[in-house]
């Protein structure tokens, strides 16, 4: 996990899930970008999937 700004006053980071990345056909969160106390207790978080949906006609 990258955690460049972690401190006792809060922090931010990005976490990569290699297992989810191998399952690209599923919408599992591959990347989590977060801010707050920790990745387990974020104030905010954005989760991104490697899944690319089929385009609509």
PDB file of N, CA and C in Angstrom:
ATOM      1  N   UNK A   1       0.845  -1.164   0.000  1.00  0.00           N
ATOM      2  CA  UNK A   1       0.000   0.000   0.000  1.00  0.00           C
ATOM      3  C   UNK A   1       0.898   1.237   0.000  1.00  0.00           C
ATOM      4  N   UNK A   2       0.584   2.174  -0.853  1.00  0.00           N
ATOM      5  CA  UNK A   2       1.262   3.463  -0.850  1.00  0.00           C
ATOM      6  C   UNK A   2       0.589   4.342   0.184  1.00  0.00           C
ATOM      7  N   UNK A   3       1.357   4.955   1.027  1.00  0.00           N
ATOM      8  CA  UNK A   3       0.795   5.775   2.088  1.00  0.00           C
ATOM      9  C   UNK A   3       1.705   6.973   2.323  1.00  0.00           C
ATOM     10  N   UNK A   4       1.820   7.890   1.356  1.00  0.00           N
ATOM     11  CA  UNK A   4       2.817   8.946   1.443  1.00  0.00           C
ATOM     12  C   UNK A   4       2.538  10.018   2.479  1.00  0.00           C
ATOM     13  N   UNK A   5       1.293  10.148   2.941  1.00  0.00           N
ATOM     14  CA  UNK A   5       0.965  11.270   3.809  1.00  0.00           C
ATOM     15  C   UNK A   5       0.430  10.835   5.170  1.00  0.00           C
ATOM     16  N   UNK A   6       0.622   9.578   5.550  1.00  0.00           N
ATOM     17  CA  UNK A   6       0.055   9.082   6.804  1.00  0.00           C
ATOM     18  C   UNK A   6       0.708   9.766   8.001  1.00  0.00           C
ATOM     19  N   UNK A   7      -0.097  10.107   8.957  1.00  0.00           N
ATOM     20  CA  UNK A   7       0.383  10.678  10.205  1.00  0.00           C
ATOM     21  C   UNK A   7      -0.716  10.520  11.244  1.00  0.00           C
ATOM     22  N   UNK A   8      -0.445  10.915  12.459  1.00  0.00           N
ATOM     23  CA  UNK A   8      -1.468  10.830  13.490  1.00  0.00           C
ATOM     24  C   UNK A   8      -2.575  11.848  13.287  1.00  0.00           C
ATOM     25  N   UNK A   9      -2.410  12.787  12.356  1.00  0.00           N
ATOM     26  CA  UNK A   9      -3.429  13.788  12.046  1.00  0.00           C
ATOM     27  C   UNK A   9      -4.268  13.381  10.846  1.00  0.00           C
ATOM     28  N   UNK A  10      -4.117  12.186  10.355  1.00  0.00           N
ATOM     29  CA  UNK A  10      -4.838  11.724   9.171  1.00  0.00           C
ATOM     30  C   UNK A  10      -3.865  11.531   8.031  1.00  0.00           C
ATOM     31  N   UNK A  11      -4.345  11.055   6.958  1.00  0.00           N
ATOM     32  CA  UNK A  11      -3.465  10.813   5.834  1.00  0.00           C
ATOM     33  C   UNK A  11      -4.255  10.509   4.585  1.00  0.00           C
ATOM     34  N   UNK A  12      -3.569   9.999   3.614  1.00  0.00           N
ATOM     35  CA  UNK A  12      -4.181   9.615   2.348  1.00  0.00           C
ATOM     36  C   UNK A  12      -3.318   8.530   1.736  1.00  0.00           C
ATOM     37  N   UNK A  13      -3.883   7.780   0.832  1.00  0.00           N
ATOM     38  CA  UNK A  13      -3.099   6.752   0.188  1.00  0.00           C
ATOM     39  C   UNK A  13      -3.866   6.080  -0.921  1.00  0.00           C
ATOM     40  N   UNK A  14      -3.195   5.141  -1.544  1.00  0.00           N
ATOM     41  CA  UNK A  14      -3.794   4.321  -2.595  1.00  0.00           C
ATOM     42  C   UNK A  14      -3.437   2.878  -2.301  1.00  0.00           C
ATOM     43  N   UNK A  15      -4.393   1.988  -2.507  1.00  0.00           N
ATOM     44  CA  UNK A  15      -4.165   0.569  -2.269  1.00  0.00           C
ATOM     45  C   UNK A  15      -4.552  -0.198  -3.527  1.00  0.00           C
ATOM     46  N   UNK A  16      -3.702  -1.128  -3.942  1.00  0.00           N
ATOM     47  CA  UNK A  16      -3.932  -1.959  -5.118  1.00  0.00           C
ATOM     48  C   UNK A  16      -4.250  -3.376  -4.671  1.00  0.00           C
ATOM     49  N   UNK A  17      -5.304  -3.971  -5.221  1.00  0.00           N
ATOM     50  CA  UNK A  17      -5.685  -5.348  -4.904  1.00  0.00           C
ATOM     51  C   UNK A  17      -5.358  -6.229  -6.105  1.00  0.00           C
ATOM     52  N   UNK A  18      -4.258  -6.975  -6.021  1.00  0.00           N
ATOM     53  CA  UNK A  18      -3.799  -7.810  -7.132  1.00  0.00           C
ATOM     54  C   UNK A  18      -4.795  -8.929  -7.442  1.00  0.00           C
ATOM     55  N   UNK A  19      -5.466  -9.485  -6.440  1.00  0.00           N
ATOM     56  CA  UNK A  19      -6.458 -10.537  -6.674  1.00  0.00           C
ATOM     57  C   UNK A  19      -7.597 -10.007  -7.529  1.00  0.00           C
ATOM     58  N   UNK A  20      -8.126  -8.836  -7.172  1.00  0.00           N
ATOM     59  CA  UNK A  20      -9.221  -8.241  -7.939  1.00  0.00           C
ATOM     60  C   UNK A  20      -8.783  -7.906  -9.357  1.00  0.00           C
ATOM     61  N   UNK A  21      -7.538  -7.499  -9.536  1.00  0.00           N
ATOM     62  CA  UNK A  21      -7.036  -7.151 -10.866  1.00  0.00           C
ATOM     63  C   UNK A  21      -7.013  -8.373 -11.783  1.00  0.00           C
ATOM     64  N   UNK A  22      -6.836  -9.556 -11.230  1.00  0.00           N
ATOM     65  CA  UNK A  22      -6.829 -10.778 -12.034  1.00  0.00           C
ATOM     66  C   UNK A  22      -8.230 -11.193 -12.449  1.00  0.00           C
ATOM     67  N   UNK A  23      -9.233 -10.613 -11.836  1.00  0.00           N
ATOM     68  CA  UNK A  23     -10.638 -10.947 -12.122  1.00  0.00           C
ATOM     69  C   UNK A  23     -11.302  -9.780 -12.844  1.00  0.00           C
ATOM     70  N   UNK A  24     -10.721  -9.355 -13.969  1.00  0.00           N
ATOM     71  CA  UNK A  24     -11.192  -8.157 -14.680  1.00  0.00           C
ATOM     72  C   UNK A  24     -12.630  -8.286 -15.178  1.00  0.00           C
ATOM     73  N   UNK A  25     -13.141  -9.523 -15.331  1.00  0.00           N
ATOM     74  CA  UNK A  25     -14.521  -9.692 -15.796  1.00  0.00           C
ATOM     75  C   UNK A  25     -15.535  -9.351 -14.703  1.00  0.00           C
ATOM     76  N   UNK A  26     -15.074  -9.221 -13.476  1.00  0.00           N
ATOM     77  CA  UNK A  26     -15.946  -8.861 -12.348  1.00  0.00           C
ATOM     78  C   UNK A  26     -15.703  -7.403 -11.969  1.00  0.00           C
ATOM     79  N   UNK A  27     -16.690  -6.803 -11.359  1.00  0.00           N
ATOM     80  CA  UNK A  27     -16.587  -5.399 -10.957  1.00  0.00           C
ATOM     81  C   UNK A  27     -16.037  -5.261  -9.537  1.00  0.00           C
ATOM     82  N   UNK A  28     -14.982  -6.005  -9.220  1.00  0.00           N
ATOM     83  CA  UNK A  28     -14.344  -5.893  -7.907  1.00  0.00           C
ATOM     84  C   UNK A  28     -13.476  -4.643  -7.865  1.00  0.00           C
ATOM     85  N   UNK A  29     -13.424  -3.931  -6.752  1.00  0.00           N
ATOM     86  CA  UNK A  29     -12.553  -2.755  -6.677  1.00  0.00           C
ATOM     87  C   UNK A  29     -11.080  -3.152  -6.727  1.00  0.00           C
ATOM     88  N   UNK A  30     -10.373  -2.684  -7.745  1.00  0.00           N
ATOM     89  CA  UNK A  30      -8.961  -2.987  -7.926  1.00  0.00           C
ATOM     90  C   UNK A  30      -8.099  -1.952  -7.220  1.00  0.00           C
ATOM     91  N   UNK A  31      -8.476  -0.699  -7.318  1.00  0.00           N
ATOM     92  CA  UNK A  31      -7.758   0.395  -6.671  1.00  0.00           C
ATOM     93  C   UNK A  31      -8.674   1.079  -5.668  1.00  0.00           C
ATOM     94  N   UNK A  32      -8.150   1.426  -4.519  1.00  0.00           N
ATOM     95  CA  UNK A  32      -8.848   2.243  -3.538  1.00  0.00           C
ATOM     96  C   UNK A  32      -7.968   3.445  -3.229  1.00  0.00           C
ATOM     97  N   UNK A  33      -8.506   4.633  -3.443  1.00  0.00           N
ATOM     98  CA  UNK A  33      -7.833   5.883  -3.094  1.00  0.00           C
ATOM     99  C   UNK A  33      -8.606   6.447  -1.914  1.00  0.00           C
ATOM    100  N   UNK A  34      -7.913   6.777  -0.828  1.00  0.00           N
ATOM    101  CA  UNK A  34      -8.602   7.136   0.397  1.00  0.00           C
ATOM    102  C   UNK A  34      -7.945   8.319   1.105  1.00  0.00           C
ATOM    103  N   UNK A  35      -8.698   8.915   2.012  1.00  0.00           N
ATOM    104  CA  UNK A  35      -8.198   9.964   2.895  1.00  0.00           C
ATOM    105  C   UNK A  35      -8.849   9.813   4.253  1.00  0.00           C
ATOM    106  N   UNK A  36      -8.116  10.082   5.306  1.00  0.00           N
ATOM    107  CA  UNK A  36      -8.638   9.947   6.662  1.00  0.00           C
ATOM    108  C   UNK A  36      -7.639   9.270   7.568  1.00  0.00           C
ATOM    109  N   UNK A  37      -8.143   8.560   8.562  1.00  0.00           N
ATOM    110  CA  UNK A  37      -7.280   7.911   9.543  1.00  0.00           C
ATOM    111  C   UNK A  37      -6.475   6.746   8.958  1.00  0.00           C
ATOM    112  N   UNK A  38      -7.126   5.872   8.184  1.00  0.00           N
ATOM    113  CA  UNK A  38      -6.449   4.726   7.580  1.00  0.00           C
ATOM    114  C   UNK A  38      -7.313   4.189   6.450  1.00  0.00           C
ATOM    115  N   UNK A  39      -6.756   3.271   5.662  1.00  0.00           N
ATOM    116  CA  UNK A  39      -7.522   2.673   4.575  1.00  0.00           C
ATOM    117  C   UNK A  39      -8.712   1.877   5.122  1.00  0.00           C
ATOM    118  N   UNK A  40      -8.599   1.362   6.345  1.00  0.00           N
ATOM    119  CA  UNK A  40      -9.692   0.610   6.966  1.00  0.00           C
ATOM    120  C   UNK A  40     -10.758   1.508   7.575  1.00  0.00           C
ATOM    121  N   UNK A  41     -10.402   2.765   7.850  1.00  0.00           N
ATOM    122  CA  UNK A  41     -11.348   3.721   8.448  1.00  0.00           C
ATOM    123  C   UNK A  41     -11.201   5.079   7.771  1.00  0.00           C
ATOM    124  N   UNK A  42     -11.480   5.142   6.459  1.00  0.00           N
ATOM    125  CA  UNK A  42     -11.284   6.403   5.750  1.00  0.00           C
ATOM    126  C   UNK A  42     -12.404   7.398   6.034  1.00  0.00           C
ATOM    127  N   UNK A  43     -12.079   8.682   5.932  1.00  0.00           N
ATOM    128  CA  UNK A  43     -13.097   9.726   5.952  1.00  0.00           C
ATOM    129  C   UNK A  43     -13.820   9.727   4.608  1.00  0.00           C
ATOM    130  N   UNK A  44     -13.056   9.478   3.559  1.00  0.00           N
ATOM    131  CA  UNK A  44     -13.601   9.340   2.208  1.00  0.00           C
ATOM    132  C   UNK A  44     -12.785   8.302   1.448  1.00  0.00           C
ATOM    133  N   UNK A  45     -13.394   7.697   0.447  1.00  0.00           N
ATOM    134  CA  UNK A  45     -12.696   6.704  -0.375  1.00  0.00           C
ATOM    135  C   UNK A  45     -13.332   6.650  -1.759  1.00  0.00           C
ATOM    136  N   UNK A  46     -12.501   6.410  -2.756  1.00  0.00           N
ATOM    137  CA  UNK A  46     -12.972   6.157  -4.117  1.00  0.00           C
ATOM    138  C   UNK A  46     -12.429   4.798  -4.511  1.00  0.00           C
ATOM    139  N   UNK A  47     -13.286   3.953  -5.037  1.00  0.00           N
ATOM    140  CA  UNK A  47     -12.878   2.608  -5.433  1.00  0.00           C
ATOM    141  C   UNK A  47     -13.062   2.460  -6.933  1.00  0.00           C
ATOM    142  N   UNK A  48     -12.036   1.919  -7.580  1.00  0.00           N
ATOM    143  CA  UNK A  48     -12.042   1.779  -9.030  1.00  0.00           C
ATOM    144  C   UNK A  48     -11.868   0.323  -9.408  1.00  0.00           C
ATOM    145  N   UNK A  49     -12.593  -0.105 -10.418  1.00  0.00           N
ATOM    146  CA  UNK A  49     -12.558  -1.479 -10.896  1.00  0.00           C
ATOM    147  C   UNK A  49     -11.810  -1.559 -12.213  1.00  0.00           C
ATOM    148  N   UNK A  50     -11.222  -2.720 -12.487  1.00  0.00           N
ATOM    149  CA  UNK A  50     -10.595  -2.966 -13.782  1.00  0.00           C
ATOM    150  C   UNK A  50     -11.634  -3.417 -14.804  1.00  0.00           C
ATOM    151  N   UNK A  51     -12.856  -3.646 -14.371  1.00  0.00           N
ATOM    152  CA  UNK A  51     -13.936  -4.109 -15.237  1.00  0.00           C
ATOM    153  C   UNK A  51     -14.344  -3.012 -16.219  1.00  0.00           C
ATOM    154  N   UNK A  52     -14.405  -3.381 -17.473  1.00  0.00           N
ATOM    155  CA  UNK A  52     -14.891  -2.455 -18.502  1.00  0.00           C
ATOM    156  C   UNK A  52     -16.200  -3.008 -19.026  1.00  0.00           C
ATOM    157  N   UNK A  53     -17.311  -2.307 -18.788  1.00  0.00           N
ATOM    158  CA  UNK A  53     -18.603  -2.831 -19.231  1.00  0.00           C
ATOM    159  C   UNK A  53     -18.721  -2.824 -20.751  1.00  0.00           C
ATOM    160  N   UNK A  54     -19.611  -3.660 -21.235  1.00  0.00           N
ATOM    161  CA  UNK A  54     -19.891  -3.716 -22.668  1.00  0.00           C
ATOM    162  C   UNK A  54     -20.591  -2.413 -23.058  1.00  0.00           C
ATOM    163  N   UNK A  55     -20.173  -1.779 -24.170  1.00  0.00           N
ATOM    164  CA  UNK A  55     -20.813  -0.527 -24.579  1.00  0.00           C
ATOM    165  C   UNK A  55     -22.300  -0.742 -24.932  1.00  0.00           C
ATOM    166  N   UNK A  56     -23.101   0.244 -24.653  1.00  0.00           N
ATOM    167  CA  UNK A  56     -24.514   0.189 -25.006  1.00  0.00           C
ATOM    168  C   UNK A  56     -24.673   0.575 -26.475  1.00  0.00           C
ATOM    169  N   UNK A  57     -25.612  -0.069 -27.154  1.00  0.00           N
ATOM    170  CA  UNK A  57     -25.819   0.283 -28.578  1.00  0.00           C
ATOM    171  C   UNK A  57     -26.431   1.650 -28.749  1.00  0.00           C
TER     172      UNK A  57
END
